[in-house]
């Protein structure tokens, strides 16, 4: 692909490599669901479809204006998935295309962190959460295969317990993944709040240390 962008022109004037150590790609959810099906079966994939893990976006979208006011519901971010330029959107979703356009973008190397999987820490169904991380890591390893000279994905490692983190880290390294993202602020339930019916399920404390 021709490299005629402003970014490419600036890059040509530099005497050092340009590395994006905090890039992001956008996962194609239907493909992620295929991997989740392979990891834990169709019932688990169906549970994922019904989990409003993405910052409450699905639930907020279904509310009426009156419900949003009554709940004081905050509008989740909607600007993280731009689609006006189809080529740029496809580039964010297809590692092979991103690799092809690295020169045009002005990058020599990039570590690609997830977008959807950033929110997996919000999945309250722990069994589903672990399966989702495993499915993501398998998908990332497969889709980024062959572009590692300039582009690598970061594995997602759940920090719910040390044992689970070590198990997934060993699995990810076995897939050939060389970078990782450890989830932070794991949401722990507050025991007393769980006794307060439906509202209690929303009460949690953020564990920043994985204790």
N, C-alpha and C. Protein backbone atom coordinates (compact mmCIF):
# COMPACT_ATOMS: atom_id res chain seq x y z
N UNK A 1 0.85 -1.20 0.00
CA UNK A 1 0.00 0.00 0.00
C UNK A 1 0.88 1.25 0.00
N UNK A 2 0.54 2.22 -0.83
CA UNK A 2 1.34 3.43 -0.93
C UNK A 2 1.36 4.17 0.40
N UNK A 3 2.53 4.70 0.74
CA UNK A 3 2.70 5.40 2.01
C UNK A 3 2.80 6.90 1.73
N UNK A 4 1.66 7.56 1.57
CA UNK A 4 1.64 8.96 1.20
C UNK A 4 1.03 9.82 2.30
N UNK A 5 0.87 9.27 3.48
CA UNK A 5 0.23 10.00 4.56
C UNK A 5 1.19 10.98 5.21
N UNK A 6 0.62 11.93 5.94
CA UNK A 6 1.43 12.87 6.72
C UNK A 6 2.28 12.11 7.73
N UNK A 7 1.69 11.08 8.35
CA UNK A 7 2.43 10.29 9.33
C UNK A 7 3.65 9.62 8.71
N UNK A 8 3.47 9.09 7.50
CA UNK A 8 4.60 8.44 6.83
C UNK A 8 5.69 9.44 6.49
N UNK A 9 5.29 10.64 6.10
CA UNK A 9 6.26 11.68 5.75
C UNK A 9 7.06 12.10 6.99
N UNK A 10 6.39 12.27 8.11
CA UNK A 10 7.09 12.61 9.36
C UNK A 10 8.04 11.48 9.74
N UNK A 11 7.57 10.24 9.60
CA UNK A 11 8.40 9.09 9.95
C UNK A 11 9.68 9.05 9.13
N UNK A 12 9.60 9.43 7.88
CA UNK A 12 10.79 9.40 7.02
C UNK A 12 11.88 10.36 7.49
N UNK A 13 11.48 11.39 8.25
CA UNK A 13 12.46 12.39 8.71
C UNK A 13 13.08 12.02 10.05
N UNK A 14 12.63 10.95 10.66
CA UNK A 14 13.12 10.55 11.97
C UNK A 14 14.34 9.64 11.84
N UNK A 15 15.19 9.68 12.85
CA UNK A 15 16.36 8.80 12.86
C UNK A 15 16.25 7.73 13.95
N UNK A 16 15.02 7.44 14.34
CA UNK A 16 14.79 6.42 15.37
C UNK A 16 13.47 5.71 15.05
N UNK A 17 13.30 4.50 15.55
CA UNK A 17 12.04 3.78 15.31
C UNK A 17 10.90 4.37 16.13
N UNK A 18 9.70 4.18 15.65
CA UNK A 18 8.50 4.64 16.35
C UNK A 18 7.73 3.39 16.82
N UNK A 19 7.57 3.28 18.12
CA UNK A 19 6.93 2.10 18.71
C UNK A 19 5.68 2.54 19.47
N UNK A 20 4.56 1.94 19.15
CA UNK A 20 3.32 2.17 19.88
C UNK A 20 3.20 1.07 20.93
N UNK A 21 3.48 1.40 22.16
CA UNK A 21 3.46 0.41 23.25
C UNK A 21 2.09 0.29 23.89
N UNK A 22 1.12 1.05 23.42
CA UNK A 22 -0.23 1.01 24.00
C UNK A 22 -1.26 1.17 22.89
N UNK A 23 -1.11 0.36 21.85
CA UNK A 23 -2.10 0.38 20.77
C UNK A 23 -3.30 -0.48 21.14
N UNK A 24 -4.37 -0.36 20.36
CA UNK A 24 -5.57 -1.18 20.59
C UNK A 24 -6.11 -1.66 19.26
N UNK A 25 -6.62 -2.87 19.27
CA UNK A 25 -7.38 -3.36 18.13
C UNK A 25 -8.79 -3.65 18.60
N UNK A 26 -9.73 -3.73 17.67
CA UNK A 26 -11.13 -3.97 18.01
C UNK A 26 -11.49 -5.40 17.62
N UNK A 27 -11.85 -6.20 18.60
CA UNK A 27 -12.20 -7.58 18.34
C UNK A 27 -13.53 -7.67 17.58
N UNK A 28 -13.61 -8.62 16.64
CA UNK A 28 -14.85 -8.91 15.93
C UNK A 28 -15.62 -9.92 16.77
N UNK A 29 -16.69 -9.47 17.41
CA UNK A 29 -17.36 -10.29 18.42
C UNK A 29 -17.85 -11.64 17.89
N UNK A 30 -18.42 -11.74 16.68
CA UNK A 30 -18.83 -13.07 16.19
C UNK A 30 -17.67 -14.07 16.15
N UNK A 31 -16.48 -13.61 15.80
CA UNK A 31 -15.32 -14.51 15.82
C UNK A 31 -14.95 -14.90 17.24
N UNK A 32 -15.01 -13.93 18.16
CA UNK A 32 -14.75 -14.24 19.57
C UNK A 32 -15.73 -15.28 20.09
N UNK A 33 -16.99 -15.18 19.67
CA UNK A 33 -17.99 -16.16 20.10
C UNK A 33 -17.69 -17.55 19.57
N UNK A 34 -17.14 -17.63 18.37
CA UNK A 34 -16.74 -18.94 17.83
C UNK A 34 -15.66 -19.57 18.71
N UNK A 35 -14.69 -18.77 19.14
CA UNK A 35 -13.64 -19.29 20.01
C UNK A 35 -14.20 -19.66 21.38
N UNK A 36 -15.14 -18.86 21.89
CA UNK A 36 -15.75 -19.16 23.18
C UNK A 36 -16.53 -20.47 23.10
N UNK A 37 -17.22 -20.69 21.99
CA UNK A 37 -17.92 -21.94 21.76
C UNK A 37 -16.94 -23.11 21.80
N UNK A 38 -15.79 -22.93 21.15
CA UNK A 38 -14.78 -23.99 21.13
C UNK A 38 -14.19 -24.25 22.51
N UNK A 39 -14.06 -23.20 23.32
CA UNK A 39 -13.46 -23.32 24.66
C UNK A 39 -14.42 -23.97 25.65
N UNK A 40 -15.69 -23.53 25.63
CA UNK A 40 -16.61 -23.93 26.70
C UNK A 40 -17.99 -24.33 26.22
N UNK A 41 -18.22 -24.41 24.92
CA UNK A 41 -19.49 -24.88 24.42
C UNK A 41 -20.48 -23.78 24.09
N UNK A 42 -21.54 -24.12 23.34
CA UNK A 42 -22.51 -23.12 22.88
C UNK A 42 -23.29 -22.45 24.01
N UNK A 43 -23.52 -23.17 25.10
CA UNK A 43 -24.26 -22.57 26.22
C UNK A 43 -23.47 -21.41 26.82
N UNK A 44 -22.16 -21.56 26.91
CA UNK A 44 -21.32 -20.48 27.44
C UNK A 44 -21.31 -19.29 26.48
N UNK A 45 -21.25 -19.57 25.19
CA UNK A 45 -21.31 -18.49 24.22
C UNK A 45 -22.62 -17.73 24.33
N UNK A 46 -23.71 -18.45 24.60
CA UNK A 46 -25.01 -17.80 24.75
C UNK A 46 -25.04 -16.95 26.02
N UNK A 47 -24.41 -17.41 27.08
CA UNK A 47 -24.33 -16.60 28.30
C UNK A 47 -23.57 -15.31 28.04
N UNK A 48 -22.53 -15.39 27.22
CA UNK A 48 -21.76 -14.19 26.88
C UNK A 48 -22.63 -13.20 26.11
N UNK A 49 -23.45 -13.70 25.19
CA UNK A 49 -24.32 -12.82 24.40
C UNK A 49 -25.27 -12.02 25.28
N UNK A 50 -25.66 -12.58 26.40
CA UNK A 50 -26.64 -11.94 27.27
C UNK A 50 -26.00 -11.17 28.43
N UNK A 51 -24.68 -11.14 28.50
CA UNK A 51 -24.00 -10.43 29.59
C UNK A 51 -23.71 -9.00 29.16
N UNK A 52 -24.19 -8.04 29.92
CA UNK A 52 -24.01 -6.62 29.57
C UNK A 52 -22.69 -6.12 30.16
N UNK A 53 -21.58 -6.72 29.72
CA UNK A 53 -20.26 -6.42 30.29
C UNK A 53 -19.67 -5.12 29.76
N UNK A 54 -20.13 -4.65 28.61
CA UNK A 54 -19.48 -3.54 27.93
C UNK A 54 -19.91 -2.20 28.52
N UNK A 55 -19.51 -1.95 29.76
CA UNK A 55 -19.78 -0.69 30.46
C UNK A 55 -21.27 -0.37 30.52
N UNK A 56 -22.11 -1.42 30.50
CA UNK A 56 -23.55 -1.20 30.59
C UNK A 56 -24.18 -0.64 29.34
N UNK A 57 -23.48 -0.70 28.21
CA UNK A 57 -23.96 -0.06 26.99
C UNK A 57 -25.27 -0.67 26.51
N UNK A 58 -25.37 -2.00 26.55
CA UNK A 58 -26.59 -2.65 26.06
C UNK A 58 -27.78 -2.30 26.94
N UNK A 59 -27.59 -2.37 28.27
CA UNK A 59 -28.68 -2.04 29.18
C UNK A 59 -29.13 -0.60 29.06
N UNK A 60 -28.17 0.32 28.96
CA UNK A 60 -28.50 1.74 28.83
C UNK A 60 -29.28 1.97 27.54
N UNK A 61 -28.90 1.30 26.48
CA UNK A 61 -29.55 1.50 25.19
C UNK A 61 -31.00 1.05 25.20
N UNK A 62 -31.32 0.07 26.05
CA UNK A 62 -32.69 -0.44 26.12
C UNK A 62 -33.59 0.39 27.02
N UNK A 63 -33.02 1.28 27.83
CA UNK A 63 -33.82 2.09 28.76
C UNK A 63 -34.55 3.21 28.04
N UNK A 64 -35.72 3.52 28.53
CA UNK A 64 -36.41 4.72 28.06
C UNK A 64 -35.79 5.94 28.73
N UNK A 65 -36.12 7.12 28.24
CA UNK A 65 -35.61 8.35 28.85
C UNK A 65 -36.03 8.45 30.31
N UNK A 66 -37.26 8.00 30.60
CA UNK A 66 -37.76 8.05 31.97
C UNK A 66 -36.97 7.12 32.88
N UNK A 67 -36.65 5.93 32.39
CA UNK A 67 -35.87 4.99 33.19
C UNK A 67 -34.46 5.53 33.46
N UNK A 68 -33.88 6.16 32.47
CA UNK A 68 -32.52 6.70 32.66
C UNK A 68 -32.52 7.79 33.72
N UNK A 69 -33.55 8.62 33.72
CA UNK A 69 -33.64 9.68 34.74
C UNK A 69 -33.88 9.08 36.12
N UNK A 70 -34.76 8.07 36.18
CA UNK A 70 -35.10 7.46 37.47
C UNK A 70 -33.89 6.76 38.09
N UNK A 71 -33.05 6.15 37.26
CA UNK A 71 -31.89 5.42 37.74
C UNK A 71 -30.63 6.27 37.81
N UNK A 72 -30.74 7.52 37.31
CA UNK A 72 -29.56 8.38 37.17
C UNK A 72 -28.47 7.62 36.40
N UNK A 73 -28.88 6.95 35.34
CA UNK A 73 -27.97 6.11 34.56
C UNK A 73 -27.02 6.99 33.74
N UNK A 74 -25.74 6.71 33.84
CA UNK A 74 -24.72 7.44 33.09
C UNK A 74 -24.58 6.81 31.71
N UNK A 75 -24.56 7.66 30.68
CA UNK A 75 -24.40 7.13 29.33
C UNK A 75 -23.00 6.55 29.17
N UNK A 76 -22.91 5.27 28.81
CA UNK A 76 -21.59 4.66 28.60
C UNK A 76 -20.90 5.26 27.39
N UNK A 77 -19.60 5.07 27.26
CA UNK A 77 -18.89 5.61 26.10
C UNK A 77 -19.38 4.96 24.81
N UNK A 78 -19.64 5.79 23.81
CA UNK A 78 -20.10 5.29 22.52
C UNK A 78 -19.12 5.65 21.41
N UNK A 79 -18.12 6.47 21.73
CA UNK A 79 -17.22 7.00 20.71
C UNK A 79 -16.02 6.10 20.44
N UNK A 80 -15.91 4.98 21.12
CA UNK A 80 -14.74 4.12 20.98
C UNK A 80 -14.76 3.21 19.77
N UNK A 81 -15.84 3.24 19.00
CA UNK A 81 -15.96 2.36 17.84
C UNK A 81 -16.32 3.17 16.60
N UNK A 82 -15.46 4.08 16.17
CA UNK A 82 -15.77 4.92 15.01
C UNK A 82 -15.92 4.07 13.75
N UNK A 83 -16.83 4.47 12.88
CA UNK A 83 -17.09 3.67 11.68
C UNK A 83 -17.29 4.53 10.43
N UNK A 84 -17.02 5.84 10.51
CA UNK A 84 -17.24 6.71 9.35
C UNK A 84 -16.34 6.30 8.19
N UNK A 85 -15.08 6.01 8.49
CA UNK A 85 -14.13 5.57 7.47
C UNK A 85 -14.01 4.05 7.55
N UNK A 86 -14.60 3.37 6.58
CA UNK A 86 -14.66 1.90 6.62
C UNK A 86 -13.28 1.26 6.61
N UNK A 87 -12.34 1.86 5.86
CA UNK A 87 -10.99 1.29 5.78
C UNK A 87 -10.30 1.36 7.14
N UNK A 88 -10.43 2.50 7.81
CA UNK A 88 -9.80 2.63 9.13
C UNK A 88 -10.44 1.69 10.14
N UNK A 89 -11.77 1.54 10.08
CA UNK A 89 -12.44 0.61 11.00
C UNK A 89 -11.97 -0.82 10.74
N UNK A 90 -11.88 -1.20 9.47
CA UNK A 90 -11.41 -2.54 9.14
C UNK A 90 -9.97 -2.73 9.59
N UNK A 91 -9.16 -1.68 9.47
CA UNK A 91 -7.76 -1.76 9.89
C UNK A 91 -7.65 -2.05 11.38
N UNK A 92 -8.55 -1.46 12.16
CA UNK A 92 -8.54 -1.68 13.61
C UNK A 92 -8.98 -3.09 13.99
N UNK A 93 -9.64 -3.79 13.06
CA UNK A 93 -10.19 -5.10 13.37
C UNK A 93 -9.43 -6.26 12.73
N UNK A 94 -8.63 -5.97 11.69
CA UNK A 94 -7.95 -7.03 10.95
C UNK A 94 -6.44 -6.87 11.08
N UNK A 95 -5.79 -7.68 11.90
CA UNK A 95 -4.35 -7.53 12.11
C UNK A 95 -3.53 -7.56 10.82
N UNK A 96 -3.92 -8.36 9.86
CA UNK A 96 -3.18 -8.41 8.60
C UNK A 96 -3.21 -7.09 7.86
N UNK A 97 -4.38 -6.44 7.86
CA UNK A 97 -4.51 -5.14 7.21
C UNK A 97 -3.75 -4.07 7.99
N UNK A 98 -3.81 -4.14 9.31
CA UNK A 98 -3.06 -3.19 10.12
C UNK A 98 -1.56 -3.33 9.86
N UNK A 99 -1.09 -4.55 9.77
CA UNK A 99 0.32 -4.80 9.47
C UNK A 99 0.70 -4.20 8.12
N UNK A 100 -0.19 -4.33 7.15
CA UNK A 100 0.06 -3.79 5.81
C UNK A 100 0.15 -2.26 5.82
N UNK A 101 -0.57 -1.62 6.73
CA UNK A 101 -0.64 -0.15 6.75
C UNK A 101 0.28 0.48 7.79
N UNK A 102 1.12 -0.29 8.45
CA UNK A 102 1.98 0.26 9.49
C UNK A 102 2.84 1.41 8.97
N UNK A 103 3.39 1.27 7.78
CA UNK A 103 4.20 2.34 7.22
C UNK A 103 3.40 3.59 6.98
N UNK A 104 2.18 3.44 6.49
CA UNK A 104 1.31 4.58 6.24
C UNK A 104 0.96 5.29 7.55
N UNK A 105 0.78 4.51 8.61
CA UNK A 105 0.45 5.07 9.92
C UNK A 105 1.66 5.73 10.56
N UNK A 106 2.85 5.31 10.15
CA UNK A 106 4.08 5.89 10.68
C UNK A 106 4.65 5.13 11.86
N UNK A 107 4.33 3.84 11.94
CA UNK A 107 4.80 3.02 13.06
C UNK A 107 5.75 1.94 12.56
N UNK A 108 6.75 1.64 13.39
CA UNK A 108 7.65 0.54 13.10
C UNK A 108 7.22 -0.74 13.81
N UNK A 109 6.66 -0.56 15.00
CA UNK A 109 6.27 -1.72 15.81
C UNK A 109 5.15 -1.29 16.74
N UNK A 110 4.25 -2.23 17.06
CA UNK A 110 3.15 -1.91 17.97
C UNK A 110 2.75 -3.13 18.79
N UNK A 111 2.37 -2.87 20.03
CA UNK A 111 1.74 -3.87 20.88
C UNK A 111 0.25 -3.56 20.89
N UNK A 112 -0.56 -4.52 20.47
CA UNK A 112 -2.01 -4.29 20.35
C UNK A 112 -2.74 -4.87 21.55
N UNK A 113 -3.33 -3.99 22.34
CA UNK A 113 -4.16 -4.40 23.46
C UNK A 113 -5.60 -4.53 22.99
N UNK A 114 -6.43 -5.24 23.74
CA UNK A 114 -7.81 -5.44 23.29
C UNK A 114 -8.66 -4.20 23.51
N UNK A 115 -9.88 -4.28 23.03
CA UNK A 115 -10.89 -3.25 23.29
C UNK A 115 -12.05 -3.88 24.05
N UNK A 116 -12.72 -4.84 23.46
CA UNK A 116 -13.83 -5.51 24.15
C UNK A 116 -13.33 -6.21 25.42
N UNK A 117 -12.21 -6.90 25.31
CA UNK A 117 -11.72 -7.68 26.46
C UNK A 117 -11.26 -6.80 27.62
N UNK A 118 -11.08 -5.51 27.38
CA UNK A 118 -10.79 -4.61 28.49
C UNK A 118 -11.90 -4.65 29.54
N UNK A 119 -13.11 -4.95 29.08
CA UNK A 119 -14.28 -4.91 29.96
C UNK A 119 -14.63 -6.27 30.55
N UNK A 120 -13.85 -7.30 30.25
CA UNK A 120 -14.17 -8.62 30.78
C UNK A 120 -14.10 -8.67 32.30
N UNK A 121 -13.34 -7.77 32.91
CA UNK A 121 -13.28 -7.73 34.38
C UNK A 121 -14.64 -7.41 34.98
N UNK A 122 -15.56 -6.84 34.18
CA UNK A 122 -16.89 -6.48 34.67
C UNK A 122 -17.87 -7.65 34.59
N UNK A 123 -17.45 -8.77 34.01
CA UNK A 123 -18.34 -9.94 33.92
C UNK A 123 -18.47 -10.55 35.31
N UNK A 124 -19.68 -10.58 35.85
CA UNK A 124 -19.90 -11.08 37.21
C UNK A 124 -19.94 -12.61 37.27
N UNK A 125 -20.28 -13.23 36.16
CA UNK A 125 -20.30 -14.68 36.06
C UNK A 125 -18.85 -15.15 35.94
N UNK A 126 -18.28 -15.64 37.03
CA UNK A 126 -16.84 -15.92 37.05
C UNK A 126 -16.45 -17.03 36.06
N UNK A 127 -17.27 -18.05 35.95
CA UNK A 127 -16.98 -19.12 34.99
C UNK A 127 -16.95 -18.57 33.58
N UNK A 128 -17.90 -17.71 33.26
CA UNK A 128 -17.93 -17.07 31.94
C UNK A 128 -16.72 -16.17 31.75
N UNK A 129 -16.35 -15.45 32.78
CA UNK A 129 -15.21 -14.54 32.68
C UNK A 129 -13.93 -15.29 32.31
N UNK A 130 -13.67 -16.39 32.99
CA UNK A 130 -12.46 -17.17 32.70
C UNK A 130 -12.49 -17.73 31.29
N UNK A 131 -13.65 -18.22 30.86
CA UNK A 131 -13.77 -18.76 29.51
C UNK A 131 -13.57 -17.67 28.47
N UNK A 132 -14.06 -16.46 28.76
CA UNK A 132 -13.92 -15.35 27.81
C UNK A 132 -12.45 -14.95 27.65
N UNK A 133 -11.71 -14.90 28.76
CA UNK A 133 -10.28 -14.60 28.66
C UNK A 133 -9.55 -15.67 27.85
N UNK A 134 -9.87 -16.93 28.09
CA UNK A 134 -9.22 -18.02 27.37
C UNK A 134 -9.54 -17.92 25.87
N UNK A 135 -10.80 -17.65 25.54
CA UNK A 135 -11.19 -17.53 24.13
C UNK A 135 -10.49 -16.35 23.47
N UNK A 136 -10.39 -15.23 24.20
CA UNK A 136 -9.71 -14.06 23.62
C UNK A 136 -8.25 -14.38 23.32
N UNK A 137 -7.57 -15.01 24.25
CA UNK A 137 -6.15 -15.31 24.05
C UNK A 137 -5.92 -16.25 22.87
N UNK A 138 -6.79 -17.23 22.72
CA UNK A 138 -6.69 -18.13 21.58
C UNK A 138 -6.93 -17.37 20.27
N UNK A 139 -7.93 -16.51 20.26
CA UNK A 139 -8.25 -15.75 19.06
C UNK A 139 -7.10 -14.81 18.69
N UNK A 140 -6.57 -14.09 19.68
CA UNK A 140 -5.49 -13.14 19.41
C UNK A 140 -4.26 -13.85 18.87
N UNK A 141 -3.92 -14.99 19.46
CA UNK A 141 -2.74 -15.74 18.99
C UNK A 141 -2.92 -16.17 17.54
N UNK A 142 -4.12 -16.59 17.19
CA UNK A 142 -4.37 -17.06 15.83
C UNK A 142 -4.41 -15.91 14.82
N UNK A 143 -5.12 -14.84 15.14
CA UNK A 143 -5.30 -13.76 14.17
C UNK A 143 -4.02 -12.94 13.95
N UNK A 144 -3.15 -12.90 14.94
CA UNK A 144 -1.91 -12.13 14.80
C UNK A 144 -0.74 -12.99 14.32
N UNK A 145 -1.01 -14.24 14.03
CA UNK A 145 0.07 -15.12 13.56
C UNK A 145 0.57 -14.63 12.19
N UNK A 146 1.88 -14.49 12.05
CA UNK A 146 2.47 -14.09 10.79
C UNK A 146 2.75 -12.61 10.66
N UNK A 147 2.38 -11.81 11.67
CA UNK A 147 2.64 -10.36 11.60
C UNK A 147 3.55 -9.91 12.73
N UNK A 148 4.17 -10.85 13.43
CA UNK A 148 4.94 -10.53 14.63
C UNK A 148 6.20 -9.73 14.41
N UNK A 149 6.61 -9.54 13.16
CA UNK A 149 7.79 -8.71 12.94
C UNK A 149 7.53 -7.25 13.26
N UNK A 150 6.23 -6.84 13.22
CA UNK A 150 5.91 -5.44 13.49
C UNK A 150 4.72 -5.27 14.44
N UNK A 151 4.05 -6.36 14.75
CA UNK A 151 2.79 -6.22 15.47
C UNK A 151 2.54 -7.46 16.32
N UNK A 152 2.35 -7.27 17.64
CA UNK A 152 2.04 -8.40 18.51
C UNK A 152 0.86 -8.04 19.40
N UNK A 153 0.01 -9.02 19.74
CA UNK A 153 -1.10 -8.76 20.65
C UNK A 153 -0.69 -9.00 22.09
N UNK A 154 -1.40 -8.38 23.00
CA UNK A 154 -1.19 -8.64 24.43
C UNK A 154 -2.22 -9.65 24.90
N UNK A 155 -1.75 -10.66 25.61
CA UNK A 155 -2.66 -11.61 26.23
C UNK A 155 -3.41 -10.92 27.36
N UNK A 156 -4.61 -11.41 27.67
CA UNK A 156 -5.39 -10.88 28.79
C UNK A 156 -5.35 -11.89 29.93
N UNK A 157 -4.90 -11.45 31.08
CA UNK A 157 -4.73 -12.34 32.23
C UNK A 157 -5.64 -11.88 33.37
N UNK A 158 -6.58 -12.73 33.76
CA UNK A 158 -7.45 -12.42 34.88
C UNK A 158 -6.66 -12.47 36.18
N UNK A 159 -6.91 -11.51 37.06
CA UNK A 159 -6.22 -11.46 38.34
C UNK A 159 -7.18 -11.77 39.49
N UNK A 160 -8.23 -12.53 39.20
CA UNK A 160 -9.21 -12.86 40.23
C UNK A 160 -8.56 -13.62 41.38
N UNK A 161 -7.71 -14.58 41.05
CA UNK A 161 -6.89 -15.26 42.05
C UNK A 161 -5.50 -15.48 41.46
N UNK A 162 -4.47 -15.56 42.30
CA UNK A 162 -3.12 -15.81 41.78
C UNK A 162 -3.03 -17.11 40.99
N UNK A 163 -3.70 -18.16 41.46
CA UNK A 163 -3.63 -19.45 40.78
C UNK A 163 -4.21 -19.37 39.37
N UNK A 164 -5.35 -18.69 39.25
CA UNK A 164 -5.96 -18.54 37.93
C UNK A 164 -5.09 -17.69 37.01
N UNK A 165 -4.47 -16.67 37.57
CA UNK A 165 -3.60 -15.81 36.76
C UNK A 165 -2.40 -16.60 36.23
N UNK A 166 -1.79 -17.40 37.07
CA UNK A 166 -0.62 -18.19 36.65
C UNK A 166 -1.03 -19.21 35.59
N UNK A 167 -2.18 -19.84 35.80
CA UNK A 167 -2.64 -20.84 34.83
C UNK A 167 -2.86 -20.22 33.45
N UNK A 168 -3.52 -19.05 33.41
CA UNK A 168 -3.79 -18.42 32.11
C UNK A 168 -2.52 -17.85 31.50
N UNK A 169 -1.61 -17.36 32.33
CA UNK A 169 -0.33 -16.86 31.82
C UNK A 169 0.46 -17.99 31.17
N UNK A 170 0.50 -19.15 31.80
CA UNK A 170 1.21 -20.28 31.22
C UNK A 170 0.55 -20.73 29.92
N UNK A 171 -0.78 -20.69 29.89
CA UNK A 171 -1.49 -21.06 28.66
C UNK A 171 -1.18 -20.07 27.54
N UNK A 172 -1.17 -18.78 27.88
CA UNK A 172 -0.92 -17.74 26.87
C UNK A 172 0.49 -17.84 26.31
N UNK A 173 1.46 -18.08 27.17
CA UNK A 173 2.83 -18.22 26.67
C UNK A 173 2.97 -19.47 25.80
N UNK A 174 2.20 -20.49 26.12
CA UNK A 174 2.18 -21.69 25.29
C UNK A 174 1.62 -21.43 23.90
N UNK A 175 0.77 -20.41 23.78
CA UNK A 175 0.23 -20.01 22.48
C UNK A 175 1.23 -19.18 21.68
N UNK A 176 2.31 -18.78 22.34
CA UNK A 176 3.29 -17.94 21.66
C UNK A 176 3.11 -16.46 21.88
N UNK A 177 2.25 -16.08 22.82
CA UNK A 177 2.05 -14.66 23.12
C UNK A 177 3.18 -14.15 24.00
N UNK A 178 3.68 -12.95 23.71
CA UNK A 178 4.88 -12.44 24.38
C UNK A 178 4.61 -11.22 25.26
N UNK A 179 3.43 -10.64 25.18
CA UNK A 179 3.07 -9.50 26.02
C UNK A 179 1.78 -9.85 26.74
N UNK A 180 1.51 -9.16 27.83
CA UNK A 180 0.27 -9.47 28.55
C UNK A 180 -0.31 -8.21 29.18
N UNK A 181 -1.61 -8.27 29.41
CA UNK A 181 -2.32 -7.23 30.13
C UNK A 181 -2.96 -7.88 31.35
N UNK A 182 -2.56 -7.45 32.53
CA UNK A 182 -3.15 -7.97 33.75
C UNK A 182 -4.30 -7.08 34.15
N UNK A 183 -5.47 -7.67 34.35
CA UNK A 183 -6.63 -6.87 34.74
C UNK A 183 -6.43 -6.33 36.14
N UNK A 184 -6.93 -5.13 36.37
CA UNK A 184 -6.82 -4.50 37.69
C UNK A 184 -8.22 -4.18 38.20
N UNK A 185 -8.30 -3.77 39.43
CA UNK A 185 -9.57 -3.41 40.05
C UNK A 185 -10.59 -4.54 39.90
N UNK A 186 -10.19 -5.75 40.28
CA UNK A 186 -11.13 -6.87 40.26
C UNK A 186 -12.27 -6.59 41.22
N UNK A 187 -13.48 -6.82 40.79
CA UNK A 187 -14.66 -6.46 41.57
C UNK A 187 -15.02 -7.59 42.53
N UNK A 188 -14.87 -7.32 43.82
CA UNK A 188 -15.18 -8.31 44.84
C UNK A 188 -16.55 -7.99 45.45
N UNK A 189 -17.41 -8.98 45.63
CA UNK A 189 -18.72 -8.72 46.24
C UNK A 189 -18.58 -8.35 47.71
N UNK A 190 -19.46 -7.50 48.18
CA UNK A 190 -19.52 -7.12 49.60
C UNK A 190 -20.55 -8.03 50.26
N UNK A 191 -20.11 -8.84 51.20
CA UNK A 191 -20.95 -9.90 51.75
C UNK A 191 -22.27 -9.37 52.29
N UNK A 192 -22.23 -8.30 53.08
CA UNK A 192 -23.46 -7.77 53.67
C UNK A 192 -24.42 -7.26 52.61
N UNK A 193 -23.86 -6.68 51.55
CA UNK A 193 -24.71 -6.12 50.50
C UNK A 193 -25.44 -7.20 49.73
N UNK A 194 -24.87 -8.42 49.68
CA UNK A 194 -25.51 -9.50 48.94
C UNK A 194 -26.84 -9.91 49.56
N UNK A 195 -27.10 -9.50 50.80
CA UNK A 195 -28.34 -9.86 51.48
C UNK A 195 -29.46 -8.87 51.20
N UNK A 196 -29.18 -7.87 50.37
CA UNK A 196 -30.16 -6.82 50.13
C UNK A 196 -30.87 -6.96 48.79
N UNK A 197 -31.12 -8.19 48.38
CA UNK A 197 -31.91 -8.42 47.18
C UNK A 197 -31.19 -8.01 45.91
N UNK A 198 -31.97 -7.60 44.93
CA UNK A 198 -31.45 -7.30 43.59
C UNK A 198 -30.40 -6.21 43.61
N UNK A 199 -30.61 -5.15 44.40
CA UNK A 199 -29.66 -4.04 44.39
C UNK A 199 -28.30 -4.45 44.94
N UNK A 200 -28.26 -5.47 45.79
CA UNK A 200 -27.01 -5.88 46.39
C UNK A 200 -25.99 -6.40 45.41
N UNK A 201 -26.45 -6.93 44.28
CA UNK A 201 -25.51 -7.49 43.31
C UNK A 201 -24.66 -6.42 42.65
N UNK A 202 -25.06 -5.15 42.78
CA UNK A 202 -24.30 -4.07 42.17
C UNK A 202 -23.24 -3.51 43.11
N UNK A 203 -23.25 -3.92 44.37
CA UNK A 203 -22.28 -3.41 45.34
C UNK A 203 -21.03 -4.26 45.30
N UNK A 204 -19.89 -3.63 45.14
CA UNK A 204 -18.63 -4.36 45.13
C UNK A 204 -17.52 -3.42 45.57
N UNK A 205 -16.39 -4.01 45.92
CA UNK A 205 -15.23 -3.19 46.24
C UNK A 205 -14.13 -3.51 45.25
N UNK A 206 -13.44 -2.48 44.76
CA UNK A 206 -12.39 -2.70 43.75
C UNK A 206 -11.08 -3.13 44.39
N UNK A 207 -10.66 -4.34 44.08
CA UNK A 207 -9.41 -4.89 44.61
C UNK A 207 -8.28 -4.54 43.66
N UNK A 208 -7.46 -3.58 44.03
CA UNK A 208 -6.38 -3.11 43.15
C UNK A 208 -5.11 -3.96 43.27
N UNK A 209 -5.06 -4.81 44.30
CA UNK A 209 -3.83 -5.56 44.57
C UNK A 209 -3.97 -7.06 44.33
N UNK A 210 -5.15 -7.51 43.94
CA UNK A 210 -5.35 -8.94 43.71
C UNK A 210 -5.30 -9.75 44.99
N UNK A 211 -5.79 -9.18 46.09
CA UNK A 211 -5.74 -9.85 47.39
C UNK A 211 -6.97 -10.74 47.59
